């Protein structure tokens, strides 16, 4: 078991997944479970310090509510860029 200082434990990852609606609860749980395992292994976190949220965004709202604020306006935070641009270019 890994032991973390108290201040580190309080500041662990919260992962937000934004995707189109349509996945089943089973698919969403499997995605969450895998992400938690990977965060534990790669970032060295305890399971109890990790939280994961899933936000379903309708296709017609994606460009304005996700792509523009989370991708275009935060390029410096992306480690994986998407291969599409709903605004062209």
N, C-alpha and C. Protein backbone atom coordinates (compact mmCIF):
# COMPACT_ATOMS: atom_id res chain seq x y z
N UNK A 1 0.84 -1.18 0.00
CA UNK A 1 0.00 0.00 0.00
C UNK A 1 0.88 1.24 0.00
N UNK A 2 0.54 2.21 -0.86
CA UNK A 2 1.28 3.46 -0.92
C UNK A 2 0.75 4.41 0.14
N UNK A 3 1.66 5.14 0.75
CA UNK A 3 1.27 6.11 1.76
C UNK A 3 1.63 7.50 1.24
N UNK A 4 0.67 8.42 1.29
CA UNK A 4 0.86 9.77 0.79
C UNK A 4 0.75 10.76 1.93
N UNK A 5 1.50 11.86 1.86
CA UNK A 5 1.34 12.90 2.86
C UNK A 5 -0.10 13.41 2.85
N UNK A 6 -0.59 13.86 3.98
CA UNK A 6 -1.99 14.30 4.09
C UNK A 6 -2.33 15.39 3.09
N UNK A 7 -1.43 16.34 2.85
CA UNK A 7 -1.74 17.42 1.92
C UNK A 7 -1.82 16.93 0.48
N UNK A 8 -1.06 15.90 0.13
CA UNK A 8 -1.11 15.37 -1.23
C UNK A 8 -2.42 14.61 -1.44
N UNK A 9 -2.87 13.89 -0.45
CA UNK A 9 -4.09 13.11 -0.57
C UNK A 9 -5.29 14.00 -0.83
N UNK A 10 -5.31 15.19 -0.28
CA UNK A 10 -6.45 16.09 -0.43
C UNK A 10 -6.50 16.72 -1.81
N UNK A 11 -5.45 16.63 -2.58
CA UNK A 11 -5.38 17.31 -3.87
C UNK A 11 -5.18 16.32 -5.02
N UNK A 12 -6.00 15.32 -5.08
CA UNK A 12 -5.82 14.31 -6.10
C UNK A 12 -6.79 14.52 -7.25
N UNK A 13 -6.64 13.73 -8.30
CA UNK A 13 -7.34 13.98 -9.56
C UNK A 13 -8.86 13.83 -9.52
N UNK A 14 -9.49 14.75 -10.22
CA UNK A 14 -10.90 14.64 -10.58
C UNK A 14 -10.92 14.66 -12.10
N UNK A 15 -11.39 13.61 -12.70
CA UNK A 15 -11.41 13.47 -14.14
C UNK A 15 -12.83 13.71 -14.63
N UNK A 16 -12.96 14.57 -15.64
CA UNK A 16 -14.26 14.82 -16.24
C UNK A 16 -14.22 14.33 -17.68
N UNK A 17 -15.14 13.46 -18.01
CA UNK A 17 -15.27 12.93 -19.36
C UNK A 17 -16.49 13.58 -19.99
N UNK A 18 -16.31 14.21 -21.13
CA UNK A 18 -17.42 14.80 -21.86
C UNK A 18 -17.58 14.03 -23.15
N UNK A 19 -18.80 13.56 -23.40
CA UNK A 19 -19.04 12.78 -24.61
C UNK A 19 -20.50 12.87 -25.00
N UNK A 20 -20.77 12.49 -26.24
CA UNK A 20 -22.16 12.46 -26.71
C UNK A 20 -22.95 11.45 -25.89
N UNK A 21 -24.24 11.69 -25.72
CA UNK A 21 -25.10 10.70 -25.07
C UNK A 21 -25.17 9.41 -25.90
N UNK A 22 -25.55 8.33 -25.26
CA UNK A 22 -25.77 7.09 -25.99
C UNK A 22 -25.07 5.88 -25.45
N UNK A 23 -24.08 6.07 -24.58
CA UNK A 23 -23.42 4.91 -23.98
C UNK A 23 -24.30 4.38 -22.85
N UNK A 24 -24.21 3.09 -22.63
CA UNK A 24 -24.98 2.48 -21.54
C UNK A 24 -24.31 2.77 -20.20
N UNK A 25 -25.05 2.54 -19.14
CA UNK A 25 -24.48 2.69 -17.79
C UNK A 25 -23.32 1.71 -17.61
N UNK A 26 -23.43 0.53 -18.18
CA UNK A 26 -22.35 -0.47 -18.08
C UNK A 26 -21.10 0.05 -18.79
N UNK A 27 -21.24 0.62 -19.98
CA UNK A 27 -20.09 1.18 -20.71
C UNK A 27 -19.45 2.32 -19.93
N UNK A 28 -20.28 3.20 -19.38
CA UNK A 28 -19.75 4.34 -18.62
C UNK A 28 -19.01 3.87 -17.38
N UNK A 29 -19.54 2.85 -16.69
CA UNK A 29 -18.87 2.33 -15.50
C UNK A 29 -17.55 1.67 -15.87
N UNK A 30 -17.53 0.93 -16.98
CA UNK A 30 -16.29 0.28 -17.43
C UNK A 30 -15.23 1.33 -17.77
N UNK A 31 -15.63 2.40 -18.44
CA UNK A 31 -14.72 3.49 -18.76
C UNK A 31 -14.18 4.12 -17.48
N UNK A 32 -15.05 4.39 -16.55
CA UNK A 32 -14.64 4.96 -15.26
C UNK A 32 -13.67 4.04 -14.53
N UNK A 33 -13.99 2.76 -14.47
CA UNK A 33 -13.14 1.81 -13.76
C UNK A 33 -11.73 1.75 -14.37
N UNK A 34 -11.66 1.77 -15.70
CA UNK A 34 -10.36 1.71 -16.36
C UNK A 34 -9.56 2.98 -16.12
N UNK A 35 -10.23 4.12 -16.17
CA UNK A 35 -9.54 5.39 -15.91
C UNK A 35 -8.99 5.42 -14.48
N UNK A 36 -9.78 4.97 -13.53
CA UNK A 36 -9.33 4.94 -12.13
C UNK A 36 -8.09 4.04 -12.00
N UNK A 37 -8.11 2.87 -12.62
CA UNK A 37 -6.95 1.97 -12.57
C UNK A 37 -5.72 2.64 -13.16
N UNK A 38 -5.89 3.30 -14.31
CA UNK A 38 -4.76 3.95 -14.96
C UNK A 38 -4.22 5.13 -14.14
N UNK A 39 -5.10 5.91 -13.55
CA UNK A 39 -4.65 7.03 -12.72
C UNK A 39 -3.90 6.51 -11.50
N UNK A 40 -4.41 5.45 -10.90
CA UNK A 40 -3.73 4.86 -9.75
C UNK A 40 -2.32 4.42 -10.14
N UNK A 41 -2.21 3.71 -11.25
CA UNK A 41 -0.93 3.16 -11.67
C UNK A 41 0.04 4.24 -12.13
N UNK A 42 -0.41 5.14 -12.97
CA UNK A 42 0.49 6.11 -13.60
C UNK A 42 0.78 7.30 -12.71
N UNK A 43 -0.24 7.81 -12.03
CA UNK A 43 -0.04 9.00 -11.20
C UNK A 43 0.30 8.65 -9.75
N UNK A 44 0.21 7.39 -9.40
CA UNK A 44 0.57 6.97 -8.05
C UNK A 44 -0.43 7.42 -7.00
N UNK A 45 -1.71 7.36 -7.34
CA UNK A 45 -2.76 7.79 -6.42
C UNK A 45 -3.48 6.59 -5.83
N UNK A 46 -4.04 6.80 -4.66
CA UNK A 46 -4.89 5.79 -4.06
C UNK A 46 -6.28 5.92 -4.66
N UNK A 47 -6.99 4.81 -4.77
CA UNK A 47 -8.33 4.83 -5.36
C UNK A 47 -9.25 5.82 -4.65
N UNK A 48 -9.14 5.91 -3.34
CA UNK A 48 -10.05 6.78 -2.59
C UNK A 48 -9.85 8.26 -2.89
N UNK A 49 -8.75 8.62 -3.53
CA UNK A 49 -8.49 10.03 -3.82
C UNK A 49 -8.95 10.45 -5.20
N UNK A 50 -9.43 9.52 -6.00
CA UNK A 50 -9.80 9.78 -7.40
C UNK A 50 -11.31 9.86 -7.54
N UNK A 51 -11.75 10.85 -8.30
CA UNK A 51 -13.17 10.93 -8.65
C UNK A 51 -13.28 11.10 -10.16
N UNK A 52 -14.37 10.58 -10.71
CA UNK A 52 -14.60 10.63 -12.15
C UNK A 52 -16.05 11.03 -12.40
N UNK A 53 -16.23 12.02 -13.26
CA UNK A 53 -17.57 12.44 -13.67
C UNK A 53 -17.73 12.27 -15.17
N UNK A 54 -18.94 11.97 -15.58
CA UNK A 54 -19.25 11.87 -17.00
C UNK A 54 -20.36 12.86 -17.31
N UNK A 55 -20.08 13.74 -18.26
CA UNK A 55 -21.07 14.72 -18.71
C UNK A 55 -21.46 14.39 -20.14
N UNK A 56 -22.73 14.17 -20.36
CA UNK A 56 -23.21 13.89 -21.70
C UNK A 56 -23.63 15.20 -22.36
N UNK A 57 -23.02 15.50 -23.48
CA UNK A 57 -23.26 16.75 -24.20
C UNK A 57 -23.92 16.41 -25.54
N UNK A 58 -25.10 16.96 -25.81
CA UNK A 58 -25.74 16.69 -27.10
C UNK A 58 -24.86 17.14 -28.27
N UNK A 59 -24.90 16.38 -29.33
CA UNK A 59 -24.08 16.64 -30.53
C UNK A 59 -24.21 18.08 -31.00
N UNK A 60 -25.42 18.62 -31.01
CA UNK A 60 -25.64 19.97 -31.52
C UNK A 60 -25.06 21.06 -30.60
N UNK A 61 -24.70 20.71 -29.38
CA UNK A 61 -24.11 21.67 -28.45
C UNK A 61 -22.60 21.50 -28.30
N UNK A 62 -22.05 20.44 -28.88
CA UNK A 62 -20.65 20.07 -28.67
C UNK A 62 -19.67 21.19 -29.02
N UNK A 63 -19.79 21.77 -30.20
CA UNK A 63 -18.82 22.77 -30.67
C UNK A 63 -18.72 23.95 -29.71
N UNK A 64 -19.85 24.47 -29.26
CA UNK A 64 -19.85 25.66 -28.41
C UNK A 64 -19.60 25.35 -26.93
N UNK A 65 -20.07 24.20 -26.44
CA UNK A 65 -19.95 23.93 -25.01
C UNK A 65 -18.74 23.11 -24.63
N UNK A 66 -18.12 22.43 -25.60
CA UNK A 66 -16.94 21.63 -25.31
C UNK A 66 -15.75 22.05 -26.17
N UNK A 67 -15.91 21.97 -27.49
CA UNK A 67 -14.76 22.19 -28.37
C UNK A 67 -14.14 23.58 -28.19
N UNK A 68 -14.98 24.60 -28.21
CA UNK A 68 -14.44 25.96 -28.10
C UNK A 68 -13.80 26.22 -26.73
N UNK A 69 -14.52 26.04 -25.62
CA UNK A 69 -13.89 26.38 -24.33
C UNK A 69 -12.83 25.40 -23.83
N UNK A 70 -13.00 24.11 -24.11
CA UNK A 70 -12.10 23.10 -23.53
C UNK A 70 -10.96 22.70 -24.45
N UNK A 71 -11.11 22.93 -25.75
CA UNK A 71 -10.07 22.51 -26.70
C UNK A 71 -9.39 23.72 -27.33
N UNK A 72 -10.17 24.55 -28.03
CA UNK A 72 -9.56 25.72 -28.68
C UNK A 72 -8.93 26.69 -27.68
N UNK A 73 -9.63 26.96 -26.60
CA UNK A 73 -9.17 27.96 -25.65
C UNK A 73 -8.21 27.42 -24.59
N UNK A 74 -7.95 26.12 -24.61
CA UNK A 74 -7.04 25.52 -23.62
C UNK A 74 -6.03 24.60 -24.29
N UNK A 75 -5.58 24.97 -25.48
CA UNK A 75 -4.65 24.11 -26.22
C UNK A 75 -3.39 23.80 -25.41
N UNK A 76 -2.97 24.73 -24.56
CA UNK A 76 -1.75 24.52 -23.79
C UNK A 76 -1.91 23.44 -22.71
N UNK A 77 -3.14 23.02 -22.45
CA UNK A 77 -3.36 21.97 -21.45
C UNK A 77 -3.60 20.60 -22.07
N UNK A 78 -3.73 20.53 -23.39
CA UNK A 78 -4.04 19.27 -24.06
C UNK A 78 -2.79 18.42 -24.27
N UNK A 79 -2.89 17.17 -23.94
CA UNK A 79 -1.82 16.22 -24.24
C UNK A 79 -2.18 15.37 -25.45
N UNK A 80 -3.43 15.43 -25.85
CA UNK A 80 -3.90 14.75 -27.06
C UNK A 80 -4.87 15.69 -27.76
N UNK A 81 -4.49 16.15 -28.94
CA UNK A 81 -5.35 17.03 -29.73
C UNK A 81 -6.33 16.17 -30.55
N UNK A 82 -7.56 16.65 -30.74
CA UNK A 82 -8.48 15.90 -31.60
C UNK A 82 -8.09 16.05 -33.07
N UNK A 83 -8.52 15.14 -33.88
CA UNK A 83 -8.23 15.17 -35.31
C UNK A 83 -9.33 15.80 -36.13
N UNK A 84 -10.13 16.64 -35.52
CA UNK A 84 -11.25 17.29 -36.22
C UNK A 84 -11.39 18.71 -35.68
N UNK A 85 -12.09 19.55 -36.42
CA UNK A 85 -12.40 20.90 -35.97
C UNK A 85 -13.78 21.26 -36.52
N UNK A 86 -14.78 21.34 -35.65
CA UNK A 86 -16.14 21.62 -36.13
C UNK A 86 -16.29 23.04 -36.69
N UNK A 87 -15.30 23.89 -36.47
CA UNK A 87 -15.33 25.26 -36.98
C UNK A 87 -14.53 25.40 -38.27
N UNK A 88 -14.01 24.29 -38.79
CA UNK A 88 -13.17 24.34 -40.00
C UNK A 88 -11.75 24.65 -39.62
N UNK A 89 -10.88 24.63 -40.58
CA UNK A 89 -9.49 25.01 -40.32
C UNK A 89 -8.59 23.95 -39.86
